[in-house]
Amino acid sequence: LAHLAERGAHPLLADELGLGKTLQVLSLLLAVRPLSEPALIVCPASVVPVWSAEIRKFFPGTTTGVLTRGRRFDETPAPRVWIASYSQLRRHKALLESYKFGYAVLDEAQFIKNPKAHSHRVARQLKARHRLSLTGTPLENHLGELWAQYNFLMPGLLGDVRRFASVFRAPIEKQ
């Protein structure tokens, strides 16, 4: 992950549950390649306590903030790591225009698999030096979901959605 970050790539870490994606990412953010800007981790609401607990366990003393109705990105001093559910990120989208992160991490990134959905559009607004996506299921229904993930990570890499569908998705799914 550090090698990819140093090269300007924005990885999609897709492996099975329980193989250590959380610890790998926290190690990158807080030990291997920490940045001066805060990191943002976006995940389902049910996983917010897991991220908080893992930070406390492996990186005690790291200041964290959980985005809620009462806590906003523009807090001073800013926590080292922000954790936000996808729904809280959507609620705070007005603040995203003026805020930059060192890392923007999407956990359970299949939540942005639909490029027309609000979650996808808000995630694309995030300003971050580095982007990472974590998922155990990068594809559930069709190749367009993979395009949506890379549209967050590296916009334009796979062309626009129509071109991707005609050049890659349709021929591959036909096979």
Protein backbone atom coordinates (compact mmCIF):
# COMPACT_ATOMS: atom_id res chain seq x y z
CA LEU A 1 0.00 0.00 0.00
CA ALA A 2 2.82 2.40 0.83
CA HIS A 3 4.55 1.63 -2.48
CA LEU A 4 1.35 2.35 -4.40
CA ALA A 5 0.77 5.58 -2.46
CA GLU A 6 4.31 6.74 -3.22
CA ARG A 7 3.68 6.11 -6.93
CA GLY A 8 0.41 8.06 -6.95
CA ALA A 9 -1.78 4.99 -7.37
CA HIS A 10 -4.98 4.60 -5.40
CA PRO A 11 -5.56 0.92 -4.59
CA LEU A 12 -8.62 -1.26 -4.26
CA LEU A 13 -7.87 -3.82 -1.55
CA ALA A 14 -10.33 -6.61 -2.21
CA ASP A 15 -9.98 -9.71 -0.11
CA GLU A 16 -12.02 -11.84 2.20
CA LEU A 17 -13.27 -10.97 5.65
CA GLY A 18 -10.76 -11.43 8.44
CA LEU A 19 -7.53 -11.10 6.46
CA GLY A 20 -6.48 -7.86 8.13
CA LYS A 21 -7.54 -5.06 5.79
CA THR A 22 -8.33 -2.78 8.74
CA LEU A 23 -4.95 -3.20 10.41
CA GLN A 24 -3.10 -2.88 7.09
CA VAL A 25 -4.77 0.45 6.40
CA LEU A 26 -4.30 1.80 9.93
CA SER A 27 -0.62 0.86 9.76
CA LEU A 28 -0.28 2.78 6.50
CA LEU A 29 -2.12 5.85 7.82
CA LEU A 30 -0.53 6.03 11.26
CA ALA A 31 2.86 4.30 11.14
CA VAL A 32 4.26 3.54 7.69
CA ARG A 33 3.29 6.65 5.72
CA PRO A 34 1.49 9.17 7.93
CA LEU A 35 0.61 12.53 6.37
CA SER A 36 0.12 15.96 7.88
CA GLU A 37 -3.56 16.15 6.89
CA PRO A 38 -6.13 14.09 8.80
CA ALA A 39 -7.30 10.79 7.38
CA LEU A 40 -10.95 9.99 6.72
CA ILE A 41 -12.37 6.49 6.96
CA VAL A 42 -15.90 6.04 5.59
CA CYS A 43 -17.71 2.82 6.47
CA PRO A 44 -21.17 1.44 7.25
CA ALA A 45 -22.53 2.70 10.58
CA SER A 46 -22.27 -0.81 12.06
CA VAL A 47 -18.50 -0.82 11.44
CA VAL A 48 -17.70 2.62 12.96
CA PRO A 49 -17.13 1.09 16.46
CA VAL A 50 -14.81 -1.54 14.97
CA TRP A 51 -12.54 1.09 13.41
CA SER A 52 -12.55 3.09 16.66
CA ALA A 53 -11.67 0.01 18.71
CA GLU A 54 -8.87 -1.03 16.34
CA ILE A 55 -7.30 2.43 16.52
CA ARG A 56 -7.46 2.38 20.33
CA LYS A 57 -6.00 -1.12 20.44
CA PHE A 58 -3.12 -0.77 17.97
CA PHE A 59 -2.47 2.99 17.99
CA PRO A 60 -3.40 4.23 21.46
CA GLY A 61 -3.22 7.97 21.89
CA THR A 62 -4.27 8.68 18.30
CA THR A 63 -6.93 11.36 18.32
CA THR A 64 -10.02 10.25 16.48
CA GLY A 65 -13.32 11.90 15.73
CA VAL A 66 -16.53 10.19 14.75
CA LEU A 67 -18.61 12.33 12.42
CA THR A 68 -22.09 12.84 13.89
CA ARG A 69 -24.75 15.53 13.85
CA GLY A 70 -22.84 17.30 16.63
CA ARG A 71 -19.28 16.73 15.34
CA ARG A 72 -18.12 18.31 12.11
CA PHE A 73 -14.98 18.19 9.97
CA ASP A 74 -14.17 21.81 10.73
CA GLU A 75 -13.42 21.14 14.42
CA THR A 76 -10.28 22.70 15.83
CA PRO A 77 -7.96 21.05 16.53
CA ALA A 78 -8.83 18.40 13.96
CA PRO A 79 -8.56 14.75 15.01
CA ARG A 80 -5.80 12.71 13.36
CA VAL A 81 -8.39 10.28 11.98
CA TRP A 82 -12.02 10.96 11.20
CA ILE A 83 -14.44 8.03 11.00
CA ALA A 84 -17.75 8.57 9.23
CA SER A 85 -20.64 6.37 8.21
CA TYR A 86 -21.80 6.71 4.61
CA SER A 87 -25.01 8.38 5.82
CA GLN A 88 -23.14 10.92 7.99
CA LEU A 89 -20.82 11.70 5.08
CA ARG A 90 -23.87 12.50 2.93
CA ARG A 91 -25.28 14.73 5.70
CA HIS A 92 -22.02 16.70 5.91
CA LYS A 93 -21.41 17.01 2.17
CA ALA A 94 -21.60 20.82 2.30
CA LEU A 95 -18.35 20.84 4.32
CA LEU A 96 -16.45 18.67 1.85
CA GLU A 97 -15.84 21.53 -0.58
CA SER A 98 -13.48 23.23 1.85
CA TYR A 99 -11.81 20.26 3.53
CA LYS A 100 -8.82 18.18 2.36
CA PHE A 101 -7.68 14.86 3.75
CA GLY A 102 -4.36 13.07 3.50
CA TYR A 103 -6.17 9.78 2.97
CA ALA A 104 -9.78 9.02 2.10
CA VAL A 105 -10.57 5.37 2.78
CA LEU A 106 -13.83 3.68 1.81
CA ASP A 107 -14.49 0.50 3.77
CA GLU A 108 -17.13 -1.82 2.35
CA ALA A 109 -16.67 0.20 -0.83
CA GLN A 110 -19.43 -1.70 -2.59
CA PHE A 111 -21.65 1.00 -0.98
CA ILE A 112 -20.65 3.25 -3.91
CA LYS A 113 -21.23 0.66 -6.64
CA ASN A 114 -24.04 2.68 -8.23
CA PRO A 115 -22.58 5.80 -9.90
CA LYS A 116 -26.02 7.46 -9.88
CA ALA A 117 -26.46 7.05 -6.12
CA HIS A 118 -25.92 9.89 -3.67
CA SER A 119 -23.21 7.96 -1.78
CA HIS A 120 -21.13 7.64 -4.95
CA ARG A 121 -21.46 11.33 -5.83
CA VAL A 122 -20.54 12.46 -2.31
CA ALA A 123 -17.54 10.10 -2.15
CA ARG A 124 -16.30 11.52 -5.46
CA GLN A 125 -16.35 15.02 -3.90
CA LEU A 126 -13.79 14.05 -1.28
CA LYS A 127 -10.51 15.89 -1.66
CA ALA A 128 -7.64 13.66 -0.61
CA ARG A 129 -4.02 13.20 -1.53
CA HIS A 130 -4.55 9.42 -1.48
CA ARG A 131 -7.66 7.27 -1.89
CA LEU A 132 -8.15 3.64 -0.91
CA SER A 133 -11.09 1.29 -1.22
CA LEU A 134 -11.58 -1.85 0.84
CA THR A 135 -14.11 -4.51 0.03
CA GLY A 136 -14.66 -8.22 0.25
CA THR A 137 -17.07 -8.06 -2.69
CA PRO A 138 -15.83 -5.74 -5.46
CA LEU A 139 -18.33 -7.28 -7.87
CA GLU A 140 -21.78 -8.46 -6.89
CA ASN A 141 -23.92 -8.06 -10.00
CA HIS A 142 -21.99 -6.73 -13.01
CA LEU A 143 -18.70 -5.14 -14.17
CA GLY A 144 -20.18 -1.65 -13.92
CA GLU A 145 -19.72 -1.91 -10.15
CA LEU A 146 -15.98 -2.21 -10.65
CA TRP A 147 -16.05 0.89 -12.88
CA ALA A 148 -17.83 2.79 -10.07
CA GLN A 149 -15.11 1.84 -7.57
CA TYR A 150 -12.34 3.03 -9.88
CA ASN A 151 -14.30 6.17 -10.68
CA PHE A 152 -13.79 7.06 -7.01
CA LEU A 153 -10.16 5.91 -6.86
CA MET A 154 -8.81 7.24 -10.15
CA PRO A 155 -11.45 9.15 -12.13
CA GLY A 156 -11.04 8.70 -15.86
CA LEU A 157 -8.81 5.63 -15.64
CA LEU A 158 -11.49 3.40 -17.18
CA GLY A 159 -13.12 6.12 -19.30
CA ASP A 160 -16.67 7.28 -18.80
CA VAL A 161 -19.37 4.81 -17.84
CA ARG A 162 -20.86 4.56 -21.36
CA ARG A 163 -17.52 3.85 -23.01
CA PHE A 164 -16.63 1.33 -20.31
CA ALA A 165 -19.96 -0.42 -20.88
CA SER A 166 -19.51 -0.66 -24.64
CA VAL A 167 -15.80 -1.54 -24.72
CA PHE A 168 -15.51 -3.79 -21.67
CA ARG A 169 -18.72 -4.63 -19.84
CA ALA A 170 -20.92 -5.71 -22.75
CA PRO A 171 -18.30 -7.89 -24.54
CA ILE A 172 -17.06 -9.49 -21.30
CA GLU A 173 -20.52 -10.19 -19.93
CA LYS A 174 -21.57 -11.56 -23.32
CA GLN A 175 -18.71 -14.08 -23.11
